[in-house]
Amino acid sequence: MDIRQCSICGANWIDKQHYWSGTGKKGNELDLAGLVCNNLTDEKKQNCANPRLGEKGGQTWAKRLTQIDNALEESKLNHDR
């Protein structure tokens, strides 16, 4: 069994499957890159364990903000009916 942990964010990999550090749930390396790794300082990026570091795609904070804004707008429209 191969187990690795990122010294920067605490993300874990067990047999190459990413698991989120906060929840322990299975994760997606591209989402991890978009939400965490790609936002690190250049110094911290040097020690990042994510093989998808620097790749575009997956979840980002901008995408999540858009999803929240859309849900709030829909909720407002439904409430005004």
C-alpha atoms as a PDB file:
ATOM      1  CA  MET A   1       0.000   0.000   0.000  1.00  0.00           C
ATOM      2  CA  ASP A   2       1.369   3.424  -1.015  1.00  0.00           C
ATOM      3  CA  ILE A   3       0.443   6.298   1.340  1.00  0.00           C
ATOM      4  CA  ARG A   4       1.531   9.923   0.823  1.00  0.00           C
ATOM      5  CA  GLN A   5       0.588  13.195   2.495  1.00  0.00           C
ATOM      6  CA  CYS A   6       1.156  16.735   1.250  1.00  0.00           C
ATOM      7  CA  SER A   7       3.260  18.697   3.730  1.00  0.00           C
ATOM      8  CA  ILE A   8       1.574  21.930   2.597  1.00  0.00           C
ATOM      9  CA  CYS A   9      -2.188  21.237   2.736  1.00  0.00           C
ATOM     10  CA  GLY A  10      -2.372  17.818   4.396  1.00  0.00           C
ATOM     11  CA  ALA A  11      -4.107  16.129   1.457  1.00  0.00           C
ATOM     12  CA  ASN A  12      -3.617  12.369   1.415  1.00  0.00           C
ATOM     13  CA  TRP A  13      -3.096   9.793  -1.309  1.00  0.00           C
ATOM     14  CA  ILE A  14      -3.663   6.123  -0.671  1.00  0.00           C
ATOM     15  CA  ASP A  15      -2.668   3.963  -3.627  1.00  0.00           C
ATOM     16  CA  LYS A  16      -2.802   7.091  -5.841  1.00  0.00           C
ATOM     17  CA  GLN A  17      -6.377   7.975  -4.786  1.00  0.00           C
ATOM     18  CA  HIS A  18      -6.640  11.494  -3.369  1.00  0.00           C
ATOM     19  CA  TYR A  19      -8.512  12.054  -0.099  1.00  0.00           C
ATOM     20  CA  TRP A  20      -9.355  15.487   1.322  1.00  0.00           C
ATOM     21  CA  SER A  21      -7.509  16.307   4.538  1.00  0.00           C
ATOM     22  CA  GLY A  22     -10.485  17.926   6.285  1.00  0.00           C
ATOM     23  CA  THR A  23     -13.095  15.277   5.590  1.00  0.00           C
ATOM     24  CA  GLY A  24     -11.200  12.161   4.582  1.00  0.00           C
ATOM     25  CA  LYS A  25     -13.550  11.820   1.604  1.00  0.00           C
ATOM     26  CA  LYS A  26     -12.324  10.726  -1.818  1.00  0.00           C
ATOM     27  CA  GLY A  27     -11.211  13.716  -3.785  1.00  0.00           C
ATOM     28  CA  ASN A  28     -10.281  14.858  -7.227  1.00  0.00           C
ATOM     29  CA  GLU A  29      -6.718  16.049  -7.835  1.00  0.00           C
ATOM     30  CA  LEU A  30      -7.851  18.622 -10.405  1.00  0.00           C
ATOM     31  CA  ASP A  31     -10.347  20.104  -7.926  1.00  0.00           C
ATOM     32  CA  LEU A  32      -7.583  20.177  -5.308  1.00  0.00           C
ATOM     33  CA  ALA A  33      -5.376  22.056  -7.779  1.00  0.00           C
ATOM     34  CA  GLY A  34      -8.099  24.588  -8.615  1.00  0.00           C
ATOM     35  CA  LEU A  35      -9.135  25.208  -5.017  1.00  0.00           C
ATOM     36  CA  VAL A  36      -5.801  24.977  -3.209  1.00  0.00           C
ATOM     37  CA  CYS A  37      -2.585  24.158  -5.022  1.00  0.00           C
ATOM     38  CA  ASN A  38      -2.733  26.646  -7.888  1.00  0.00           C
ATOM     39  CA  ASN A  39      -3.304  29.439  -5.340  1.00  0.00           C
ATOM     40  CA  LEU A  40      -0.149  28.701  -3.348  1.00  0.00           C
ATOM     41  CA  THR A  41       2.890  30.951  -3.328  1.00  0.00           C
ATOM     42  CA  ASP A  42       5.702  29.874  -5.640  1.00  0.00           C
ATOM     43  CA  GLU A  43       7.741  28.812  -2.611  1.00  0.00           C
ATOM     44  CA  LYS A  44       4.986  26.508  -1.314  1.00  0.00           C
ATOM     45  CA  LYS A  45       4.302  25.127  -4.808  1.00  0.00           C
ATOM     46  CA  GLN A  46       7.806  23.649  -4.750  1.00  0.00           C
ATOM     47  CA  ASN A  47       6.709  21.294  -1.953  1.00  0.00           C
ATOM     48  CA  CYS A  48       3.183  20.553  -3.224  1.00  0.00           C
ATOM     49  CA  ALA A  49       2.482  16.826  -3.583  1.00  0.00           C
ATOM     50  CA  ASN A  50      -0.399  17.165  -6.075  1.00  0.00           C
ATOM     51  CA  PRO A  51       0.583  15.746  -9.474  1.00  0.00           C
ATOM     52  CA  ARG A  52      -2.075  18.013 -11.083  1.00  0.00           C
ATOM     53  CA  LEU A  53      -0.490  21.234  -9.738  1.00  0.00           C
ATOM     54  CA  GLY A  54      -0.699  23.983 -12.365  1.00  0.00           C
ATOM     55  CA  GLU A  55      -3.387  22.320 -14.471  1.00  0.00           C
ATOM     56  CA  LYS A  56      -6.522  24.296 -15.267  1.00  0.00           C
ATOM     57  CA  GLY A  57     -10.004  22.891 -14.724  1.00  0.00           C
ATOM     58  CA  GLY A  58     -11.908  21.278 -11.924  1.00  0.00           C
ATOM     59  CA  GLN A  59     -13.480  23.327  -9.154  1.00  0.00           C
ATOM     60  CA  THR A  60     -12.249  26.826  -8.391  1.00  0.00           C
ATOM     61  CA  TRP A  61     -13.398  29.413  -5.877  1.00  0.00           C
ATOM     62  CA  ALA A  62     -14.733  31.508  -8.782  1.00  0.00           C
ATOM     63  CA  LYS A  63     -16.889  28.583  -9.964  1.00  0.00           C
ATOM     64  CA  ARG A  64     -18.182  27.998  -6.445  1.00  0.00           C
ATOM     65  CA  LEU A  65     -19.051  31.678  -6.047  1.00  0.00           C
ATOM     66  CA  THR A  66     -21.004  31.574  -9.311  1.00  0.00           C
ATOM     67  CA  GLN A  67     -22.889  28.470  -8.131  1.00  0.00           C
ATOM     68  CA  ILE A  68     -23.762  30.199  -4.842  1.00  0.00           C
ATOM     69  CA  ASP A  69     -24.859  33.392  -6.613  1.00  0.00           C
ATOM     70  CA  ASN A  70     -27.052  31.384  -8.991  1.00  0.00           C
ATOM     71  CA  ALA A  71     -28.642  29.435  -6.126  1.00  0.00           C
ATOM     72  CA  LEU A  72     -29.344  32.643  -4.206  1.00  0.00           C
ATOM     73  CA  GLU A  73     -30.901  34.262  -7.274  1.00  0.00           C
ATOM     74  CA  GLU A  74     -33.075  31.202  -7.915  1.00  0.00           C
ATOM     75  CA  SER A  75     -34.121  31.146  -4.274  1.00  0.00           C
ATOM     76  CA  LYS A  76     -35.065  34.820  -4.472  1.00  0.00           C
ATOM     77  CA  LEU A  77     -37.109  34.228  -7.625  1.00  0.00           C
ATOM     78  CA  ASN A  78     -38.929  31.301  -6.003  1.00  0.00           C
ATOM     79  CA  HIS A  79     -39.608  33.333  -2.868  1.00  0.00           C
ATOM     80  CA  ASP A  80     -41.069  36.253  -4.841  1.00  0.00           C
ATOM     81  CA  ARG A  81     -43.654  34.041  -6.571  1.00  0.00           C
END
